N, C-alpha and C. Protein backbone atom coordinates (compact mmCIF):
# COMPACT_ATOMS: atom_id res chain seq x y z
N MET A 1 23.78 -19.35 -84.04
CA MET A 1 22.59 -18.57 -83.89
C MET A 1 21.66 -19.13 -82.83
N ALA A 2 21.56 -20.42 -82.81
CA ALA A 2 20.66 -21.05 -81.83
C ALA A 2 21.15 -20.78 -80.41
N HIS A 3 22.48 -20.73 -80.24
CA HIS A 3 23.03 -20.46 -78.91
C HIS A 3 22.70 -19.04 -78.45
N ILE A 4 22.75 -18.09 -79.37
CA ILE A 4 22.44 -16.70 -79.01
C ILE A 4 20.96 -16.57 -78.65
N ARG A 5 20.10 -17.24 -79.41
CA ARG A 5 18.67 -17.19 -79.13
C ARG A 5 18.38 -17.80 -77.75
N ILE A 6 19.00 -18.92 -77.43
CA ILE A 6 18.81 -19.56 -76.11
C ILE A 6 19.33 -18.64 -75.02
N PHE A 7 20.47 -18.01 -75.27
CA PHE A 7 21.03 -17.07 -74.29
C PHE A 7 20.08 -15.89 -74.05
N LYS A 8 19.48 -15.35 -75.13
CA LYS A 8 18.53 -14.25 -74.99
C LYS A 8 17.30 -14.67 -74.19
N ILE A 9 16.79 -15.86 -74.44
CA ILE A 9 15.62 -16.36 -73.71
C ILE A 9 15.95 -16.52 -72.23
N ILE A 10 17.12 -17.08 -71.93
CA ILE A 10 17.54 -17.24 -70.53
C ILE A 10 17.71 -15.88 -69.87
N LEU A 11 18.28 -14.93 -70.60
CA LEU A 11 18.47 -13.58 -70.07
C LEU A 11 17.13 -12.91 -69.77
N VAL A 12 16.17 -13.03 -70.66
CA VAL A 12 14.85 -12.43 -70.45
C VAL A 12 14.17 -13.06 -69.24
N PHE A 13 14.22 -14.39 -69.15
CA PHE A 13 13.60 -15.07 -68.01
C PHE A 13 14.29 -14.71 -66.70
N SER A 14 15.60 -14.59 -66.71
CA SER A 14 16.29 -14.22 -65.46
C SER A 14 15.95 -12.80 -65.04
N ILE A 15 15.79 -11.90 -66.01
CA ILE A 15 15.37 -10.53 -65.68
C ILE A 15 13.97 -10.53 -65.09
N LEU A 16 13.06 -11.29 -65.69
CA LEU A 16 11.69 -11.38 -65.16
C LEU A 16 11.68 -11.98 -63.75
N ILE A 17 12.45 -13.01 -63.54
CA ILE A 17 12.52 -13.63 -62.20
C ILE A 17 13.08 -12.64 -61.20
N ASN A 18 14.11 -11.89 -61.57
CA ASN A 18 14.68 -10.89 -60.66
C ASN A 18 13.67 -9.80 -60.33
N ILE A 19 12.90 -9.36 -61.32
CA ILE A 19 11.87 -8.35 -61.06
C ILE A 19 10.83 -8.89 -60.09
N ILE A 20 10.40 -10.12 -60.28
CA ILE A 20 9.41 -10.73 -59.38
C ILE A 20 9.98 -10.85 -57.97
N LEU A 21 11.23 -11.29 -57.86
CA LEU A 21 11.84 -11.45 -56.53
C LEU A 21 12.02 -10.11 -55.83
N VAL A 22 12.42 -9.07 -56.56
CA VAL A 22 12.56 -7.74 -55.96
C VAL A 22 11.21 -7.24 -55.47
N TYR A 23 10.16 -7.46 -56.26
CA TYR A 23 8.81 -7.05 -55.85
C TYR A 23 8.39 -7.80 -54.57
N GLN A 24 8.67 -9.09 -54.51
CA GLN A 24 8.32 -9.86 -53.32
C GLN A 24 9.11 -9.37 -52.10
N LEU A 25 10.39 -9.08 -52.28
CA LEU A 25 11.18 -8.55 -51.17
C LEU A 25 10.64 -7.20 -50.70
N PHE A 26 10.25 -6.36 -51.64
CA PHE A 26 9.67 -5.06 -51.28
C PHE A 26 8.37 -5.25 -50.51
N THR A 27 7.54 -6.18 -50.95
CA THR A 27 6.27 -6.45 -50.26
C THR A 27 6.53 -6.98 -48.85
N ILE A 28 7.49 -7.87 -48.70
CA ILE A 28 7.82 -8.41 -47.38
C ILE A 28 8.37 -7.31 -46.48
N TYR A 29 9.25 -6.48 -47.02
CA TYR A 29 9.80 -5.38 -46.22
C TYR A 29 8.70 -4.43 -45.77
N ARG A 30 7.79 -4.10 -46.69
CA ARG A 30 6.71 -3.17 -46.36
C ARG A 30 5.80 -3.75 -45.27
N SER A 31 5.47 -5.04 -45.37
CA SER A 31 4.60 -5.64 -44.35
C SER A 31 5.34 -5.78 -43.02
N THR A 32 6.63 -6.10 -43.06
CA THR A 32 7.41 -6.19 -41.82
C THR A 32 7.54 -4.82 -41.18
N ASP A 33 7.77 -3.80 -41.98
CA ASP A 33 7.87 -2.44 -41.46
C ASP A 33 6.56 -2.02 -40.83
N TRP A 34 5.44 -2.36 -41.46
CA TRP A 34 4.14 -2.02 -40.91
C TRP A 34 3.91 -2.74 -39.58
N CYS A 35 4.26 -4.03 -39.53
CA CYS A 35 4.10 -4.80 -38.28
C CYS A 35 4.99 -4.24 -37.18
N PHE A 36 6.21 -3.85 -37.53
CA PHE A 36 7.12 -3.28 -36.54
C PHE A 36 6.56 -1.98 -35.97
N LYS A 37 6.08 -1.10 -36.86
CA LYS A 37 5.50 0.16 -36.39
C LYS A 37 4.27 -0.09 -35.53
N ARG A 38 3.48 -1.09 -35.89
CA ARG A 38 2.31 -1.44 -35.09
C ARG A 38 2.73 -1.92 -33.71
N ASP A 39 3.76 -2.76 -33.65
CA ASP A 39 4.21 -3.28 -32.35
C ASP A 39 4.79 -2.17 -31.48
N VAL A 40 5.52 -1.23 -32.08
CA VAL A 40 6.04 -0.10 -31.30
C VAL A 40 4.90 0.77 -30.80
N ALA A 41 3.87 0.96 -31.64
CA ALA A 41 2.70 1.74 -31.21
C ALA A 41 1.97 1.02 -30.07
N LEU A 42 1.88 -0.31 -30.15
CA LEU A 42 1.25 -1.07 -29.07
C LEU A 42 2.05 -0.93 -27.78
N LEU A 43 3.37 -0.97 -27.89
CA LEU A 43 4.23 -0.81 -26.72
C LEU A 43 4.03 0.58 -26.11
N HIS A 44 3.95 1.59 -26.95
CA HIS A 44 3.72 2.96 -26.48
C HIS A 44 2.39 3.05 -25.74
N ASP A 45 1.33 2.53 -26.36
CA ASP A 45 0.00 2.59 -25.74
C ASP A 45 -0.03 1.82 -24.42
N GLU A 46 0.62 0.67 -24.38
CA GLU A 46 0.61 -0.14 -23.16
C GLU A 46 1.39 0.54 -22.05
N ALA A 47 2.50 1.19 -22.40
CA ALA A 47 3.27 1.92 -21.38
C ALA A 47 2.44 3.06 -20.80
N LEU A 48 1.75 3.79 -21.66
CA LEU A 48 0.90 4.88 -21.17
C LEU A 48 -0.28 4.35 -20.36
N ARG A 49 -0.84 3.21 -20.78
CA ARG A 49 -1.95 2.61 -20.03
C ARG A 49 -1.49 2.19 -18.63
N ALA A 50 -0.32 1.58 -18.54
CA ALA A 50 0.19 1.16 -17.23
C ALA A 50 0.41 2.38 -16.33
N CYS A 51 0.98 3.44 -16.89
CA CYS A 51 1.20 4.66 -16.09
C CYS A 51 -0.12 5.27 -15.62
N SER A 52 -1.10 5.32 -16.51
CA SER A 52 -2.38 5.90 -16.11
C SER A 52 -3.09 5.03 -15.08
N MET A 53 -2.91 3.71 -15.16
CA MET A 53 -3.51 2.83 -14.15
C MET A 53 -2.87 3.06 -12.79
N ILE A 54 -1.54 3.19 -12.76
CA ILE A 54 -0.88 3.44 -11.47
C ILE A 54 -1.32 4.78 -10.91
N ARG A 55 -1.40 5.79 -11.78
CA ARG A 55 -1.85 7.11 -11.33
C ARG A 55 -3.27 7.04 -10.78
N SER A 56 -4.13 6.28 -11.44
CA SER A 56 -5.51 6.14 -10.98
C SER A 56 -5.58 5.35 -9.68
N VAL A 57 -4.76 4.30 -9.56
CA VAL A 57 -4.71 3.53 -8.30
C VAL A 57 -4.30 4.44 -7.15
N LEU A 58 -3.27 5.24 -7.38
CA LEU A 58 -2.80 6.14 -6.32
C LEU A 58 -3.87 7.17 -5.94
N ASN A 59 -4.55 7.71 -6.94
CA ASN A 59 -5.62 8.68 -6.64
C ASN A 59 -6.76 8.03 -5.86
N ASN A 60 -7.13 6.81 -6.24
CA ASN A 60 -8.20 6.12 -5.52
C ASN A 60 -7.79 5.74 -4.11
N LEU A 61 -6.53 5.35 -3.93
CA LEU A 61 -6.06 5.02 -2.58
C LEU A 61 -6.05 6.26 -1.70
N ARG A 62 -5.62 7.38 -2.27
CA ARG A 62 -5.61 8.62 -1.49
C ARG A 62 -7.03 9.09 -1.18
N GLY A 63 -7.98 8.75 -2.06
CA GLY A 63 -9.37 9.11 -1.83
C GLY A 63 -10.12 8.11 -0.98
N GLY A 64 -9.47 7.00 -0.62
CA GLY A 64 -10.10 6.00 0.23
C GLY A 64 -10.95 4.98 -0.50
N ASP A 65 -10.89 4.94 -1.83
CA ASP A 65 -11.69 4.00 -2.62
C ASP A 65 -10.85 2.76 -2.94
N ASN A 66 -10.74 1.86 -1.98
CA ASN A 66 -9.90 0.67 -2.15
C ASN A 66 -10.47 -0.32 -3.16
N ILE A 67 -11.79 -0.37 -3.31
CA ILE A 67 -12.40 -1.34 -4.23
C ILE A 67 -12.03 -0.99 -5.68
N THR A 68 -12.17 0.26 -6.04
CA THR A 68 -11.78 0.67 -7.40
C THR A 68 -10.28 0.51 -7.59
N ALA A 69 -9.50 0.79 -6.56
CA ALA A 69 -8.05 0.62 -6.64
C ALA A 69 -7.70 -0.85 -6.89
N LEU A 70 -8.42 -1.77 -6.25
CA LEU A 70 -8.17 -3.21 -6.47
C LEU A 70 -8.48 -3.60 -7.91
N TYR A 71 -9.58 -3.09 -8.42
CA TYR A 71 -9.95 -3.37 -9.81
C TYR A 71 -8.86 -2.86 -10.75
N GLU A 72 -8.38 -1.66 -10.50
CA GLU A 72 -7.36 -1.08 -11.37
C GLU A 72 -6.01 -1.76 -11.21
N ILE A 73 -5.74 -2.30 -10.02
CA ILE A 73 -4.50 -3.08 -9.84
C ILE A 73 -4.54 -4.32 -10.73
N GLY A 74 -5.72 -4.94 -10.86
CA GLY A 74 -5.86 -6.08 -11.77
C GLY A 74 -5.58 -5.70 -13.21
N ILE A 75 -6.07 -4.54 -13.63
CA ILE A 75 -5.79 -4.05 -14.99
C ILE A 75 -4.30 -3.76 -15.13
N LEU A 76 -3.70 -3.22 -14.09
CA LEU A 76 -2.26 -2.92 -14.11
C LEU A 76 -1.44 -4.20 -14.27
N GLU A 77 -1.83 -5.27 -13.59
CA GLU A 77 -1.12 -6.55 -13.74
C GLU A 77 -1.14 -7.01 -15.19
N VAL A 78 -2.31 -6.95 -15.81
CA VAL A 78 -2.43 -7.35 -17.21
C VAL A 78 -1.58 -6.45 -18.10
N SER A 79 -1.58 -5.16 -17.80
CA SER A 79 -0.81 -4.21 -18.60
C SER A 79 0.69 -4.49 -18.49
N LEU A 80 1.17 -4.80 -17.29
CA LEU A 80 2.59 -5.12 -17.12
C LEU A 80 2.95 -6.43 -17.81
N GLU A 81 2.03 -7.41 -17.79
CA GLU A 81 2.28 -8.65 -18.51
C GLU A 81 2.33 -8.40 -20.02
N ASN A 82 1.48 -7.48 -20.50
CA ASN A 82 1.52 -7.12 -21.92
C ASN A 82 2.84 -6.43 -22.27
N LEU A 83 3.33 -5.57 -21.36
CA LEU A 83 4.63 -4.95 -21.60
C LEU A 83 5.72 -6.01 -21.71
N HIS A 84 5.66 -7.01 -20.83
CA HIS A 84 6.62 -8.12 -20.87
C HIS A 84 6.57 -8.80 -22.23
N ARG A 85 5.38 -9.10 -22.70
CA ARG A 85 5.22 -9.79 -23.98
C ARG A 85 5.70 -8.92 -25.15
N LEU A 86 5.37 -7.63 -25.11
CA LEU A 86 5.74 -6.75 -26.22
C LEU A 86 7.25 -6.53 -26.31
N TYR A 87 7.92 -6.40 -25.16
CA TYR A 87 9.38 -6.27 -25.19
C TYR A 87 10.02 -7.55 -25.73
N GLU A 88 9.48 -8.70 -25.34
CA GLU A 88 10.01 -9.96 -25.88
C GLU A 88 9.76 -10.06 -27.38
N ASP A 89 8.58 -9.62 -27.82
CA ASP A 89 8.27 -9.67 -29.26
C ASP A 89 9.25 -8.82 -30.07
N LEU A 90 9.58 -7.64 -29.55
CA LEU A 90 10.54 -6.80 -30.28
C LEU A 90 11.86 -7.52 -30.44
N HIS A 91 12.27 -8.25 -29.43
CA HIS A 91 13.55 -8.95 -29.51
C HIS A 91 13.46 -10.17 -30.43
N TYR A 92 12.44 -11.01 -30.22
CA TYR A 92 12.39 -12.27 -30.96
C TYR A 92 11.88 -12.12 -32.39
N ARG A 93 10.89 -11.26 -32.63
CA ARG A 93 10.35 -11.12 -33.98
C ARG A 93 11.29 -10.38 -34.91
N TYR A 94 11.92 -9.34 -34.40
CA TYR A 94 12.69 -8.45 -35.28
C TYR A 94 14.18 -8.53 -35.02
N GLY A 95 14.60 -9.33 -34.06
CA GLY A 95 16.03 -9.47 -33.78
C GLY A 95 16.66 -8.19 -33.28
N ILE A 96 15.87 -7.40 -32.57
CA ILE A 96 16.34 -6.09 -32.12
C ILE A 96 17.07 -6.22 -30.80
N GLY A 97 18.15 -5.50 -30.71
CA GLY A 97 18.86 -5.42 -29.44
C GLY A 97 19.53 -6.73 -29.08
N ASP A 98 20.01 -6.74 -27.87
CA ASP A 98 20.63 -7.95 -27.37
C ASP A 98 19.75 -8.46 -26.23
N ASP A 99 20.34 -9.13 -25.28
CA ASP A 99 19.56 -9.69 -24.19
C ASP A 99 19.02 -8.64 -23.24
N LYS A 100 19.38 -7.39 -23.44
CA LYS A 100 18.89 -6.34 -22.54
C LYS A 100 17.38 -6.15 -22.67
N LEU A 101 16.85 -6.32 -23.88
CA LEU A 101 15.39 -6.24 -24.04
C LEU A 101 14.70 -7.36 -23.27
N ILE A 102 15.31 -8.54 -23.30
CA ILE A 102 14.74 -9.66 -22.55
C ILE A 102 14.84 -9.38 -21.06
N ASP A 103 15.94 -8.76 -20.64
CA ASP A 103 16.08 -8.41 -19.22
C ASP A 103 15.00 -7.42 -18.79
N ILE A 104 14.72 -6.42 -19.63
CA ILE A 104 13.65 -5.46 -19.31
C ILE A 104 12.32 -6.19 -19.24
N ALA A 105 12.07 -7.08 -20.20
CA ALA A 105 10.81 -7.84 -20.20
C ALA A 105 10.68 -8.67 -18.94
N ASP A 106 11.77 -9.33 -18.54
CA ASP A 106 11.73 -10.15 -17.33
C ASP A 106 11.51 -9.31 -16.08
N LYS A 107 12.10 -8.13 -16.03
CA LYS A 107 11.90 -7.26 -14.86
C LYS A 107 10.44 -6.84 -14.74
N PHE A 108 9.80 -6.52 -15.88
CA PHE A 108 8.38 -6.17 -15.82
C PHE A 108 7.54 -7.38 -15.40
N ASP A 109 7.94 -8.57 -15.84
CA ASP A 109 7.22 -9.77 -15.43
C ASP A 109 7.35 -9.99 -13.93
N ILE A 110 8.54 -9.80 -13.39
CA ILE A 110 8.76 -9.96 -11.95
C ILE A 110 7.95 -8.92 -11.17
N ILE A 111 7.96 -7.68 -11.66
CA ILE A 111 7.19 -6.63 -10.98
C ILE A 111 5.71 -6.99 -10.99
N SER A 112 5.23 -7.50 -12.12
CA SER A 112 3.82 -7.85 -12.22
C SER A 112 3.47 -9.02 -11.32
N MET A 113 4.31 -10.05 -11.32
CA MET A 113 3.97 -11.29 -10.61
C MET A 113 4.22 -11.22 -9.11
N THR A 114 5.15 -10.42 -8.67
CA THR A 114 5.44 -10.40 -7.23
C THR A 114 5.04 -9.09 -6.57
N VAL A 115 5.56 -7.98 -7.08
CA VAL A 115 5.37 -6.69 -6.41
C VAL A 115 3.90 -6.27 -6.45
N ILE A 116 3.30 -6.30 -7.62
CA ILE A 116 1.92 -5.83 -7.75
C ILE A 116 0.96 -6.77 -7.01
N LEU A 117 1.23 -8.07 -7.05
CA LEU A 117 0.39 -9.01 -6.30
C LEU A 117 0.48 -8.76 -4.80
N ALA A 118 1.69 -8.49 -4.31
CA ALA A 118 1.86 -8.21 -2.88
C ALA A 118 1.18 -6.90 -2.50
N ILE A 119 1.26 -5.91 -3.39
CA ILE A 119 0.58 -4.64 -3.11
C ILE A 119 -0.93 -4.84 -3.11
N ARG A 120 -1.42 -5.70 -3.99
CA ARG A 120 -2.86 -5.98 -3.99
C ARG A 120 -3.30 -6.59 -2.67
N GLU A 121 -2.51 -7.53 -2.16
CA GLU A 121 -2.84 -8.13 -0.87
C GLU A 121 -2.83 -7.09 0.25
N LYS A 122 -1.87 -6.17 0.19
CA LYS A 122 -1.82 -5.11 1.20
C LYS A 122 -3.04 -4.19 1.11
N ILE A 123 -3.50 -3.94 -0.11
CA ILE A 123 -4.70 -3.10 -0.27
C ILE A 123 -5.92 -3.82 0.31
N VAL A 124 -6.02 -5.12 0.06
CA VAL A 124 -7.15 -5.89 0.59
C VAL A 124 -7.16 -5.84 2.11
N LYS A 125 -5.98 -5.96 2.72
CA LYS A 125 -5.88 -5.94 4.18
C LYS A 125 -5.85 -4.52 4.74
N ASN A 126 -5.85 -3.51 3.85
CA ASN A 126 -5.79 -2.10 4.23
C ASN A 126 -4.53 -1.81 5.04
N GLU A 127 -3.39 -2.37 4.59
CA GLU A 127 -2.12 -2.21 5.29
C GLU A 127 -1.05 -1.57 4.41
N LEU A 128 -1.46 -0.83 3.39
CA LEU A 128 -0.49 -0.24 2.47
C LEU A 128 0.26 0.89 3.16
N SER A 129 1.60 0.82 3.10
CA SER A 129 2.42 1.83 3.77
C SER A 129 2.84 2.92 2.78
N ASN A 130 3.41 3.99 3.31
CA ASN A 130 3.90 5.08 2.46
C ASN A 130 5.03 4.61 1.55
N GLY A 131 5.87 3.69 2.04
CA GLY A 131 6.95 3.16 1.22
C GLY A 131 6.43 2.42 0.00
N GLU A 132 5.33 1.69 0.18
CA GLU A 132 4.75 0.96 -0.96
C GLU A 132 4.11 1.92 -1.96
N VAL A 133 3.52 3.01 -1.45
CA VAL A 133 2.96 4.02 -2.35
C VAL A 133 4.08 4.68 -3.15
N ARG A 134 5.20 4.99 -2.49
CA ARG A 134 6.35 5.57 -3.19
C ARG A 134 6.91 4.59 -4.22
N LEU A 135 6.85 3.30 -3.90
CA LEU A 135 7.31 2.30 -4.85
C LEU A 135 6.43 2.29 -6.10
N LEU A 136 5.12 2.40 -5.91
CA LEU A 136 4.22 2.50 -7.07
C LEU A 136 4.53 3.73 -7.91
N GLU A 137 4.82 4.85 -7.23
CA GLU A 137 5.18 6.07 -7.96
C GLU A 137 6.47 5.88 -8.75
N LYS A 138 7.41 5.16 -8.16
CA LYS A 138 8.69 4.91 -8.83
C LYS A 138 8.48 4.01 -10.06
N ILE A 139 7.60 3.02 -9.91
CA ILE A 139 7.29 2.16 -11.06
C ILE A 139 6.65 2.99 -12.17
N MET A 140 5.73 3.89 -11.77
CA MET A 140 5.04 4.73 -12.74
C MET A 140 6.03 5.62 -13.50
N LYS A 141 7.07 6.08 -12.83
CA LYS A 141 8.05 6.94 -13.50
C LYS A 141 9.02 6.14 -14.37
N THR A 142 9.22 4.88 -14.05
CA THR A 142 10.20 4.07 -14.78
C THR A 142 9.63 3.51 -16.07
N ILE A 143 8.33 3.25 -16.12
CA ILE A 143 7.73 2.62 -17.31
C ILE A 143 7.96 3.45 -18.58
N PRO A 144 7.64 4.76 -18.60
CA PRO A 144 7.92 5.51 -19.84
C PRO A 144 9.41 5.66 -20.12
N ARG A 145 10.23 5.67 -19.09
CA ARG A 145 11.68 5.76 -19.31
C ARG A 145 12.19 4.51 -20.01
N ALA A 146 11.63 3.35 -19.65
CA ALA A 146 12.03 2.11 -20.32
C ALA A 146 11.63 2.16 -21.79
N TYR A 147 10.43 2.60 -22.05
CA TYR A 147 9.97 2.71 -23.44
C TYR A 147 10.84 3.71 -24.22
N ASN A 148 11.11 4.86 -23.62
CA ASN A 148 11.91 5.89 -24.31
C ASN A 148 13.33 5.41 -24.59
N SER A 149 13.88 4.60 -23.69
CA SER A 149 15.23 4.09 -23.93
C SER A 149 15.24 3.17 -25.14
N ILE A 150 14.16 2.41 -25.33
CA ILE A 150 14.08 1.53 -26.49
C ILE A 150 13.93 2.36 -27.76
N VAL A 151 13.09 3.40 -27.72
CA VAL A 151 12.91 4.27 -28.89
C VAL A 151 14.25 4.91 -29.27
N PHE A 152 14.99 5.37 -28.27
CA PHE A 152 16.29 6.00 -28.52
C PHE A 152 17.30 4.96 -29.03
N HIS A 153 17.29 3.78 -28.44
CA HIS A 153 18.22 2.71 -28.82
C HIS A 153 17.98 2.27 -30.27
N LEU A 154 16.71 2.22 -30.68
CA LEU A 154 16.38 1.78 -32.03
C LEU A 154 16.45 2.90 -33.05
N LYS A 155 16.74 4.13 -32.57
CA LYS A 155 16.82 5.31 -33.44
C LYS A 155 15.51 5.53 -34.19
N LEU A 156 14.40 5.41 -33.46
CA LEU A 156 13.08 5.66 -34.04
C LEU A 156 12.80 7.16 -34.01
N PRO A 157 11.79 7.62 -34.74
CA PRO A 157 11.49 9.06 -34.77
C PRO A 157 11.19 9.62 -33.38
N ALA A 158 11.59 10.86 -33.16
CA ALA A 158 11.42 11.49 -31.85
C ALA A 158 9.96 11.67 -31.48
N GLY A 159 9.06 11.64 -32.45
CA GLY A 159 7.64 11.77 -32.17
C GLY A 159 7.08 10.60 -31.38
N LEU A 160 7.83 9.51 -31.30
CA LEU A 160 7.37 8.34 -30.56
C LEU A 160 7.73 8.38 -29.08
N ILE A 161 8.45 9.41 -28.65
CA ILE A 161 8.85 9.53 -27.24
C ILE A 161 7.61 9.71 -26.37
N ALA A 162 7.53 8.94 -25.30
CA ALA A 162 6.43 9.05 -24.34
C ALA A 162 6.78 10.09 -23.29
N GLU A 163 5.77 10.58 -22.60
CA GLU A 163 6.00 11.58 -21.55
C GLU A 163 6.85 10.96 -20.45
N ASP A 164 7.97 11.59 -20.17
CA ASP A 164 8.85 11.14 -19.09
C ASP A 164 8.46 11.92 -17.84
N LEU A 165 8.06 11.20 -16.81
CA LEU A 165 7.58 11.85 -15.60
C LEU A 165 8.71 12.41 -14.75
N ASN A 166 9.95 12.05 -15.06
CA ASN A 166 11.09 12.57 -14.30
C ASN A 166 11.64 13.86 -14.90
N TYR A 167 11.58 13.96 -16.22
CA TYR A 167 12.16 15.11 -16.91
C TYR A 167 11.16 15.63 -17.93
N PRO A 168 11.06 16.95 -18.09
CA PRO A 168 10.19 17.47 -19.14
C PRO A 168 10.77 17.18 -20.52
N ILE A 169 9.90 16.85 -21.45
CA ILE A 169 10.34 16.57 -22.80
C ILE A 169 10.61 17.89 -23.51
N SER A 170 11.82 18.06 -23.98
CA SER A 170 12.19 19.25 -24.73
C SER A 170 13.19 18.83 -25.80
N ALA A 171 13.71 19.81 -26.51
CA ALA A 171 14.68 19.50 -27.55
C ALA A 171 15.97 18.94 -26.95
N ASP A 172 16.24 19.25 -25.69
CA ASP A 172 17.46 18.78 -25.04
C ASP A 172 17.29 17.42 -24.37
N TYR A 173 16.09 16.87 -24.40
CA TYR A 173 15.82 15.62 -23.69
C TYR A 173 16.56 14.46 -24.36
N ILE A 174 17.31 13.74 -23.57
CA ILE A 174 17.96 12.52 -24.03
C ILE A 174 17.45 11.39 -23.16
N PRO A 175 16.77 10.40 -23.75
CA PRO A 175 16.25 9.29 -22.95
C PRO A 175 17.37 8.53 -22.27
N PRO A 176 17.05 7.83 -21.20
CA PRO A 176 18.08 7.04 -20.52
C PRO A 176 18.53 5.88 -21.39
N THR A 177 19.70 5.38 -21.09
CA THR A 177 20.17 4.19 -21.80
C THR A 177 19.44 2.97 -21.25
N ILE A 178 19.53 1.89 -21.97
CA ILE A 178 18.89 0.65 -21.52
C ILE A 178 19.52 0.19 -20.21
N ASP A 179 20.83 0.39 -20.06
CA ASP A 179 21.49 -0.01 -18.82
C ASP A 179 20.96 0.79 -17.63
N GLU A 180 20.72 2.09 -17.82
CA GLU A 180 20.17 2.90 -16.73
C GLU A 180 18.77 2.43 -16.35
N VAL A 181 17.98 2.07 -17.35
CA VAL A 181 16.63 1.57 -17.07
C VAL A 181 16.70 0.24 -16.33
N LEU A 182 17.63 -0.61 -16.73
CA LEU A 182 17.78 -1.89 -16.02
C LEU A 182 18.18 -1.66 -14.57
N GLU A 183 19.04 -0.67 -14.32
CA GLU A 183 19.41 -0.34 -12.94
C GLU A 183 18.20 0.16 -12.16
N GLU A 184 17.37 1.00 -12.79
CA GLU A 184 16.17 1.50 -12.11
C GLU A 184 15.22 0.36 -11.78
N LEU A 185 15.02 -0.55 -12.74
CA LEU A 185 14.13 -1.69 -12.49
C LEU A 185 14.69 -2.60 -11.41
N SER A 186 16.00 -2.78 -11.38
CA SER A 186 16.62 -3.59 -10.33
C SER A 186 16.48 -2.92 -8.97
N SER A 187 16.61 -1.59 -8.94
CA SER A 187 16.44 -0.89 -7.66
C SER A 187 15.00 -0.97 -7.18
N ILE A 188 14.04 -0.97 -8.10
CA ILE A 188 12.64 -1.17 -7.72
C ILE A 188 12.47 -2.55 -7.10
N ARG A 189 13.08 -3.54 -7.72
CA ARG A 189 12.99 -4.91 -7.20
C ARG A 189 13.62 -5.01 -5.81
N MET A 190 14.78 -4.37 -5.62
CA MET A 190 15.44 -4.41 -4.31
C MET A 190 14.62 -3.67 -3.26
N GLU A 191 14.06 -2.52 -3.64
CA GLU A 191 13.24 -1.77 -2.70
C GLU A 191 12.00 -2.56 -2.32
N ALA A 192 11.41 -3.26 -3.28
CA ALA A 192 10.25 -4.11 -2.99
C ALA A 192 10.64 -5.23 -2.04
N TYR A 193 11.81 -5.80 -2.26
CA TYR A 193 12.28 -6.87 -1.37
C TYR A 193 12.49 -6.35 0.05
N GLN A 194 13.04 -5.14 0.17
CA GLN A 194 13.25 -4.55 1.49
C GLN A 194 11.93 -4.22 2.18
N LEU A 195 10.90 -3.93 1.39
CA LEU A 195 9.58 -3.66 1.97
C LEU A 195 8.80 -4.94 2.26
N GLY A 196 9.37 -6.08 1.90
CA GLY A 196 8.72 -7.36 2.15
C GLY A 196 7.67 -7.70 1.11
N LEU A 197 7.87 -7.24 -0.11
CA LEU A 197 6.89 -7.48 -1.17
C LEU A 197 7.32 -8.59 -2.13
N GLY A 198 8.04 -9.54 -1.66
CA GLY A 198 8.37 -10.66 -2.55
C GLY A 198 9.82 -10.93 -2.68
C-alpha cells in the first residue's frame, strides 16, 4: 500500500511539473513570436523609410536643393545600416535562413559604407552624374524586393509584402528569390565600382 501511495504522489507531482513546463514553453513561444513579428515589422518600416529617403533625395537633387539632399543622404546611411542590423538579427536571433541573409545584410552594409558615402561626396562637389542617379533609383527598387524575398522565403502572411517598385502587387505577384536579390545587390555593387564609387 505504501508503494502505491508513493507512486500516486510521484504521479501527481510529475503531472503538475509537466503542466508548469508546458505553460512556460507556451509563454516563451508567445514572447518569441511577438518579438519576431516586431522585428519583421521593423524591417518593413526600415525598408520603406530607406526607399522614401532615396525618393526624397532624388526629388531634391532634381529640384536643385543639394543641402536637403545631403541631410537626407545621412538619414539614408543610417537606414541602410539599420537594414544591415535587422537582417543579421533575423538570422542570429531566430536561426532563420542560411548565410544568404547574412550576405544580404553585408551587401546593404557595403552599399551604405561605400556607395552612399561616395554619392554624398559627389553631391557636396556638385558632380553627381546621371549614372549615379540611376544607381540610386536601382537601389531604391531593390530594397523592397529584398524585404519581399525574405517575407516569401519565411512564408509570412501576404499582408506583409512591401510595395515593389518594379512590379505592381497583385494576386499573381511572386517576390524574387533571395538568390535573385543577391544578384541585384551584386550588380549594384559592380555598377558602383564601374562609376568609381568605391
